[in-house]
N, C-alpha and C. Protein backbone atom coordinates (compact mmCIF):
# COMPACT_ATOMS: atom_id res chain seq x y z
N MET A 1 124.98 89.14 95.44
CA MET A 1 124.06 89.82 94.56
C MET A 1 122.65 89.64 95.12
N ALA A 2 121.95 90.74 95.32
CA ALA A 2 120.60 90.70 95.87
C ALA A 2 119.61 90.31 94.78
N THR A 3 118.66 89.46 95.16
CA THR A 3 117.60 89.05 94.24
C THR A 3 116.27 89.06 94.98
N PHE A 4 115.21 88.83 94.25
CA PHE A 4 113.88 88.73 94.84
C PHE A 4 113.07 87.73 94.04
N GLN A 5 112.02 87.22 94.64
CA GLN A 5 111.13 86.27 94.00
C GLN A 5 110.16 87.00 93.09
N VAL A 6 109.94 86.46 91.89
CA VAL A 6 108.98 87.03 90.94
C VAL A 6 108.00 85.94 90.53
N ASP A 7 106.71 86.27 90.58
CA ASP A 7 105.67 85.37 90.10
C ASP A 7 104.79 86.14 89.12
N VAL A 8 104.64 85.58 87.91
CA VAL A 8 103.73 86.13 86.91
C VAL A 8 102.65 85.08 86.70
N VAL A 9 101.41 85.46 87.00
CA VAL A 9 100.30 84.52 86.99
C VAL A 9 99.16 85.08 86.15
N SER A 10 98.58 84.22 85.31
CA SER A 10 97.37 84.61 84.58
C SER A 10 96.20 83.84 85.19
N ALA A 11 95.02 84.07 84.67
CA ALA A 11 93.85 83.34 85.16
C ALA A 11 93.96 81.85 84.87
N GLU A 12 94.72 81.49 83.83
CA GLU A 12 94.82 80.10 83.42
C GLU A 12 95.96 79.34 84.09
N GLU A 13 97.11 80.02 84.32
CA GLU A 13 98.29 79.29 84.79
C GLU A 13 99.36 80.22 85.34
N SER A 14 100.34 79.60 85.98
CA SER A 14 101.53 80.33 86.41
C SER A 14 102.45 80.40 85.19
N ILE A 15 102.86 81.60 84.81
CA ILE A 15 103.68 81.81 83.62
C ILE A 15 105.16 81.82 83.96
N PHE A 16 105.51 82.44 85.07
CA PHE A 16 106.90 82.49 85.51
C PHE A 16 106.94 82.52 87.02
N SER A 17 107.88 81.78 87.59
CA SER A 17 108.13 81.82 89.02
C SER A 17 109.62 81.57 89.22
N GLY A 18 110.32 82.55 89.79
CA GLY A 18 111.75 82.39 90.00
C GLY A 18 112.38 83.64 90.56
N GLU A 19 113.69 83.59 90.71
CA GLU A 19 114.46 84.70 91.24
C GLU A 19 114.81 85.69 90.13
N ALA A 20 114.94 86.95 90.51
CA ALA A 20 115.29 88.00 89.55
C ALA A 20 116.16 89.06 90.21
N LYS A 21 116.95 89.76 89.36
CA LYS A 21 117.73 90.91 89.80
C LYS A 21 117.00 92.20 89.50
N PHE A 22 116.12 92.16 88.47
CA PHE A 22 115.45 93.36 88.01
C PHE A 22 114.21 92.96 87.22
N VAL A 23 113.14 93.77 87.34
CA VAL A 23 111.92 93.57 86.56
C VAL A 23 111.48 94.93 86.03
N ALA A 24 111.11 94.97 84.75
CA ALA A 24 110.56 96.18 84.13
C ALA A 24 109.21 95.82 83.53
N LEU A 25 108.23 96.70 83.70
CA LEU A 25 106.90 96.44 83.16
C LEU A 25 106.13 97.73 82.98
N PRO A 26 105.04 97.68 82.19
CA PRO A 26 104.28 98.89 81.87
C PRO A 26 103.26 99.25 82.95
N GLY A 27 103.62 100.15 83.82
CA GLY A 27 102.69 100.61 84.85
C GLY A 27 101.62 101.50 84.26
N GLU A 28 100.61 101.75 85.02
CA GLU A 28 99.49 102.58 84.56
C GLU A 28 99.95 103.98 84.14
N ASN A 29 100.96 104.50 84.85
CA ASN A 29 101.43 105.86 84.55
C ASN A 29 102.81 105.89 83.93
N GLY A 30 103.26 104.76 83.38
CA GLY A 30 104.57 104.71 82.74
C GLY A 30 105.33 103.46 83.11
N GLU A 31 106.50 103.31 82.53
CA GLU A 31 107.35 102.14 82.75
C GLU A 31 107.84 102.10 84.19
N LEU A 32 107.76 100.92 84.79
CA LEU A 32 108.24 100.71 86.17
C LEU A 32 109.47 99.81 86.14
N GLY A 33 110.45 100.14 86.96
CA GLY A 33 111.62 99.30 87.16
C GLY A 33 111.68 98.89 88.61
N ILE A 34 111.78 97.58 88.86
CA ILE A 34 111.77 97.05 90.22
C ILE A 34 113.11 96.39 90.51
N LEU A 35 113.75 96.81 91.58
CA LEU A 35 115.00 96.22 92.06
C LEU A 35 114.75 95.59 93.44
N PRO A 36 115.68 94.75 93.93
CA PRO A 36 115.51 94.18 95.28
C PRO A 36 115.31 95.28 96.32
N ARG A 37 114.50 94.98 97.31
CA ARG A 37 114.18 95.87 98.43
C ARG A 37 113.40 97.12 97.98
N HIS A 38 112.64 96.99 96.92
CA HIS A 38 111.81 98.10 96.44
C HIS A 38 110.74 98.41 97.48
N THR A 39 110.34 99.65 97.54
CA THR A 39 109.25 100.06 98.43
C THR A 39 107.97 99.32 98.05
N PRO A 40 107.19 98.86 99.03
CA PRO A 40 105.92 98.19 98.72
C PRO A 40 105.02 99.07 97.84
N LEU A 41 104.32 98.40 96.92
CA LEU A 41 103.54 99.11 95.92
C LEU A 41 102.47 98.18 95.37
N ILE A 42 101.30 98.72 95.12
CA ILE A 42 100.26 98.01 94.38
C ILE A 42 99.75 98.99 93.32
N THR A 43 99.72 98.54 92.06
CA THR A 43 99.26 99.39 90.98
C THR A 43 98.72 98.55 89.84
N ARG A 44 97.93 99.18 88.99
CA ARG A 44 97.47 98.50 87.78
C ARG A 44 98.58 98.57 86.74
N ILE A 45 98.58 97.58 85.85
CA ILE A 45 99.54 97.59 84.75
C ILE A 45 98.78 97.58 83.43
N LYS A 46 99.41 98.17 82.42
CA LYS A 46 98.84 98.26 81.09
C LYS A 46 99.33 97.09 80.25
N PRO A 47 98.69 96.85 79.11
CA PRO A 47 99.19 95.82 78.20
C PRO A 47 100.62 96.16 77.76
N GLY A 48 101.46 95.13 77.73
CA GLY A 48 102.84 95.34 77.30
C GLY A 48 103.75 94.23 77.80
N ALA A 49 105.03 94.50 77.74
CA ALA A 49 106.05 93.50 78.05
C ALA A 49 106.50 93.59 79.51
N VAL A 50 106.59 92.43 80.15
CA VAL A 50 107.24 92.29 81.45
C VAL A 50 108.60 91.67 81.17
N ARG A 51 109.65 92.39 81.52
CA ARG A 51 111.02 91.89 81.32
C ARG A 51 111.61 91.52 82.67
N ILE A 52 112.06 90.30 82.79
CA ILE A 52 112.60 89.79 84.05
C ILE A 52 114.05 89.41 83.83
N GLN A 53 114.96 90.09 84.53
CA GLN A 53 116.38 89.77 84.43
C GLN A 53 116.73 88.79 85.54
N ARG A 54 117.08 87.57 85.15
CA ARG A 54 117.41 86.53 86.12
C ARG A 54 118.83 86.73 86.65
N PRO A 55 119.16 86.11 87.77
CA PRO A 55 120.50 86.26 88.35
C PRO A 55 121.63 85.82 87.42
N ASP A 56 121.36 84.87 86.52
CA ASP A 56 122.39 84.41 85.59
C ASP A 56 122.58 85.33 84.39
N GLY A 57 121.84 86.45 84.35
CA GLY A 57 121.96 87.41 83.26
C GLY A 57 120.97 87.18 82.12
N GLN A 58 120.34 86.03 82.08
CA GLN A 58 119.34 85.75 81.06
C GLN A 58 118.10 86.62 81.31
N GLU A 59 117.36 86.92 80.25
CA GLU A 59 116.17 87.73 80.39
C GLU A 59 114.94 86.95 79.96
N GLU A 60 113.94 86.94 80.82
CA GLU A 60 112.64 86.34 80.51
C GLU A 60 111.74 87.47 80.02
N PHE A 61 110.84 87.12 79.12
CA PHE A 61 109.94 88.11 78.54
C PHE A 61 108.54 87.53 78.54
N VAL A 62 107.58 88.28 79.08
CA VAL A 62 106.18 87.86 79.13
C VAL A 62 105.32 89.02 78.69
N PHE A 63 104.38 88.77 77.75
CA PHE A 63 103.41 89.79 77.37
C PHE A 63 102.23 89.68 78.32
N VAL A 64 101.78 90.82 78.87
CA VAL A 64 100.57 90.84 79.70
C VAL A 64 99.57 91.80 79.07
N ALA A 65 98.30 91.44 79.17
CA ALA A 65 97.24 92.29 78.60
C ALA A 65 96.59 93.13 79.68
N GLY A 66 97.38 93.52 80.67
CA GLY A 66 96.86 94.31 81.78
C GLY A 66 96.80 93.46 83.04
N GLY A 67 96.52 94.11 84.16
CA GLY A 67 96.43 93.37 85.42
C GLY A 67 96.84 94.23 86.60
N ILE A 68 97.33 93.54 87.63
CA ILE A 68 97.72 94.18 88.89
C ILE A 68 99.15 93.77 89.25
N LEU A 69 99.91 94.73 89.75
CA LEU A 69 101.26 94.48 90.22
C LEU A 69 101.29 94.70 91.72
N GLU A 70 101.87 93.74 92.45
CA GLU A 70 102.13 93.92 93.88
C GLU A 70 103.63 93.77 94.09
N VAL A 71 104.23 94.77 94.74
CA VAL A 71 105.65 94.75 95.03
C VAL A 71 105.84 94.76 96.54
N GLN A 72 106.62 93.81 97.01
CA GLN A 72 107.10 93.76 98.39
C GLN A 72 108.62 93.79 98.33
N PRO A 73 109.32 94.11 99.40
CA PRO A 73 110.78 94.21 99.32
C PRO A 73 111.49 92.97 98.78
N ASP A 74 110.90 91.80 98.99
CA ASP A 74 111.56 90.56 98.54
C ASP A 74 110.69 89.71 97.60
N HIS A 75 109.59 90.29 97.10
CA HIS A 75 108.68 89.51 96.27
C HIS A 75 107.87 90.44 95.34
N VAL A 76 107.79 90.07 94.06
CA VAL A 76 106.98 90.80 93.09
C VAL A 76 105.97 89.82 92.51
N THR A 77 104.70 90.22 92.50
CA THR A 77 103.65 89.39 91.93
C THR A 77 102.93 90.18 90.85
N VAL A 78 102.83 89.58 89.67
CA VAL A 78 102.07 90.16 88.57
C VAL A 78 100.85 89.27 88.35
N LEU A 79 99.68 89.83 88.61
CA LEU A 79 98.42 89.13 88.38
C LEU A 79 97.86 89.67 87.06
N ALA A 80 98.03 88.91 86.00
CA ALA A 80 97.70 89.39 84.66
C ALA A 80 96.33 88.89 84.21
N ASP A 81 95.62 89.76 83.48
CA ASP A 81 94.37 89.33 82.86
C ASP A 81 94.66 88.18 81.89
N THR A 82 95.65 88.39 81.04
CA THR A 82 96.15 87.38 80.11
C THR A 82 97.66 87.54 80.07
N ALA A 83 98.38 86.43 80.04
CA ALA A 83 99.83 86.48 79.95
C ALA A 83 100.31 85.40 78.98
N ILE A 84 101.28 85.78 78.14
CA ILE A 84 101.82 84.86 77.15
C ILE A 84 103.34 84.96 77.19
N ARG A 85 104.01 83.83 77.28
CA ARG A 85 105.48 83.82 77.25
C ARG A 85 105.95 84.40 75.91
N GLY A 86 107.05 85.13 75.95
CA GLY A 86 107.56 85.78 74.74
C GLY A 86 107.75 84.84 73.58
N HIS A 87 108.30 83.65 73.83
CA HIS A 87 108.55 82.71 72.72
C HIS A 87 107.28 82.08 72.19
N ASP A 88 106.13 82.26 72.88
CA ASP A 88 104.86 81.72 72.41
C ASP A 88 104.03 82.72 71.62
N LEU A 89 104.49 83.98 71.54
CA LEU A 89 103.74 85.00 70.81
C LEU A 89 103.76 84.72 69.31
N ASP A 90 102.65 84.98 68.66
CA ASP A 90 102.52 84.76 67.22
C ASP A 90 102.09 86.08 66.58
N GLU A 91 103.00 86.70 65.85
CA GLU A 91 102.72 88.03 65.28
C GLU A 91 101.58 87.98 64.27
N ALA A 92 101.51 86.93 63.46
CA ALA A 92 100.45 86.83 62.46
C ALA A 92 99.07 86.77 63.13
N LYS A 93 98.95 85.98 64.19
CA LYS A 93 97.66 85.89 64.90
C LYS A 93 97.31 87.23 65.56
N ALA A 94 98.30 87.88 66.15
CA ALA A 94 98.05 89.17 66.80
C ALA A 94 97.64 90.22 65.78
N THR A 95 98.29 90.21 64.62
CA THR A 95 97.94 91.17 63.57
C THR A 95 96.53 90.94 63.07
N GLU A 96 96.15 89.68 62.90
CA GLU A 96 94.79 89.36 62.46
C GLU A 96 93.77 89.78 63.52
N ALA A 97 94.06 89.53 64.79
CA ALA A 97 93.15 89.93 65.87
C ALA A 97 93.03 91.45 65.94
N LYS A 98 94.12 92.16 65.68
CA LYS A 98 94.09 93.62 65.67
C LYS A 98 93.18 94.12 64.54
N LYS A 99 93.30 93.50 63.36
CA LYS A 99 92.44 93.89 62.23
C LYS A 99 90.97 93.63 62.55
N MET A 100 90.69 92.50 63.18
CA MET A 100 89.31 92.17 63.54
C MET A 100 88.76 93.18 64.55
N ALA A 101 89.60 93.59 65.52
CA ALA A 101 89.17 94.58 66.50
C ALA A 101 88.91 95.93 65.84
N GLU A 102 89.75 96.28 64.87
CA GLU A 102 89.57 97.54 64.14
C GLU A 102 88.24 97.51 63.37
N GLU A 103 87.94 96.38 62.75
CA GLU A 103 86.68 96.23 62.03
C GLU A 103 85.49 96.30 63.00
N ALA A 104 85.65 95.69 64.16
CA ALA A 104 84.58 95.72 65.17
C ALA A 104 84.33 97.14 65.66
N MET A 105 85.38 97.96 65.76
CA MET A 105 85.20 99.36 66.16
C MET A 105 84.39 100.11 65.11
N LYS A 106 84.68 99.84 63.83
CA LYS A 106 83.95 100.51 62.74
C LYS A 106 82.48 100.13 62.73
N ASN A 107 82.19 98.87 63.11
CA ASN A 107 80.83 98.35 63.03
C ASN A 107 80.09 98.35 64.37
N ALA A 108 80.67 98.96 65.38
CA ALA A 108 80.05 98.96 66.71
C ALA A 108 78.69 99.65 66.69
N LYS A 109 77.74 99.01 67.32
CA LYS A 109 76.37 99.54 67.35
C LYS A 109 76.07 100.30 68.65
N SER A 110 76.98 100.20 69.61
CA SER A 110 76.79 100.92 70.87
C SER A 110 78.14 101.35 71.42
N ASP A 111 78.10 102.23 72.40
CA ASP A 111 79.34 102.68 73.04
C ASP A 111 80.04 101.51 73.72
N ILE A 112 79.28 100.59 74.27
CA ILE A 112 79.87 99.44 74.96
C ILE A 112 80.59 98.55 73.96
N ASP A 113 79.98 98.28 72.81
CA ASP A 113 80.63 97.48 71.78
C ASP A 113 81.91 98.16 71.29
N PHE A 114 81.84 99.47 71.11
CA PHE A 114 83.01 100.21 70.66
C PHE A 114 84.14 100.14 71.69
N ALA A 115 83.80 100.34 72.96
CA ALA A 115 84.81 100.31 74.03
C ALA A 115 85.46 98.93 74.12
N LYS A 116 84.68 97.89 73.99
CA LYS A 116 85.22 96.52 74.04
C LYS A 116 86.18 96.29 72.88
N ALA A 117 85.79 96.69 71.68
CA ALA A 117 86.65 96.52 70.51
C ALA A 117 87.90 97.39 70.63
N GLN A 118 87.75 98.58 71.17
CA GLN A 118 88.89 99.48 71.35
C GLN A 118 89.90 98.88 72.32
N GLY A 119 89.41 98.26 73.40
CA GLY A 119 90.30 97.60 74.36
C GLY A 119 91.06 96.45 73.72
N GLU A 120 90.37 95.66 72.92
CA GLU A 120 91.01 94.54 72.22
C GLU A 120 92.05 95.06 71.23
N PHE A 121 91.71 96.13 70.52
CA PHE A 121 92.64 96.73 69.56
C PHE A 121 93.91 97.20 70.28
N ALA A 122 93.76 97.88 71.41
CA ALA A 122 94.91 98.38 72.17
C ALA A 122 95.77 97.23 72.67
N ALA A 123 95.15 96.16 73.15
CA ALA A 123 95.89 95.01 73.65
C ALA A 123 96.69 94.35 72.52
N MET A 124 96.08 94.22 71.36
CA MET A 124 96.78 93.58 70.24
C MET A 124 97.91 94.47 69.72
N ALA A 125 97.68 95.77 69.68
CA ALA A 125 98.75 96.69 69.26
C ALA A 125 99.93 96.61 70.24
N ALA A 126 99.63 96.53 71.54
CA ALA A 126 100.69 96.41 72.55
C ALA A 126 101.41 95.07 72.41
N GLN A 127 100.66 94.01 72.10
CA GLN A 127 101.28 92.70 71.94
C GLN A 127 102.23 92.69 70.74
N ILE A 128 101.81 93.27 69.64
CA ILE A 128 102.67 93.33 68.46
C ILE A 128 103.92 94.16 68.74
N ALA A 129 103.77 95.29 69.41
CA ALA A 129 104.93 96.14 69.75
C ALA A 129 105.88 95.39 70.68
N ALA A 130 105.33 94.69 71.67
CA ALA A 130 106.17 93.94 72.60
C ALA A 130 106.89 92.80 71.88
N LEU A 131 106.20 92.14 70.98
CA LEU A 131 106.79 91.04 70.23
C LEU A 131 107.95 91.54 69.37
N ARG A 132 107.75 92.64 68.71
CA ARG A 132 108.83 93.18 67.86
C ARG A 132 110.03 93.60 68.69
N LYS A 133 109.77 94.17 69.84
CA LYS A 133 110.86 94.57 70.74
C LYS A 133 111.61 93.33 71.25
N TYR A 134 110.87 92.29 71.58
CA TYR A 134 111.45 91.04 72.08
C TYR A 134 112.33 90.40 71.00
N ARG A 135 111.87 90.40 69.77
CA ARG A 135 112.59 89.74 68.67
C ARG A 135 113.89 90.47 68.35
N LYS A 136 113.98 91.79 68.66
CA LYS A 136 115.21 92.54 68.39
C LYS A 136 116.34 92.11 69.32
N LYS A 137 116.00 91.57 70.46
CA LYS A 137 117.02 91.22 71.47
C LYS A 137 117.75 89.97 71.09
């Protein structure tokens, strides 16, 4: 069975490092699926779930709030702005942060403030959606 090395790294720490049979994640232009010997690729990723299928059949789940993906035939690296392991996600905190971002959008005094709040709102909405999808599994 062919596998490849996967590393998911945030600015704070290494979130996952290990072998995988398959990785799925939210690319800038849609969902990406990576298998062993994939064509080299560098692209931005959107907030959402990174699903890593390990050789033993278990699935790892990591929420990323955007970043960069680098694919080589035998190695995948996800450089995330923020990354949280699936089992560490807290829906109540994410929902509260989403509400705060929504309030900040309403009260924005400039386009920059609005754009910042809008980005936070989108990231929290993606985190909640990813968490709900993860919990269904």
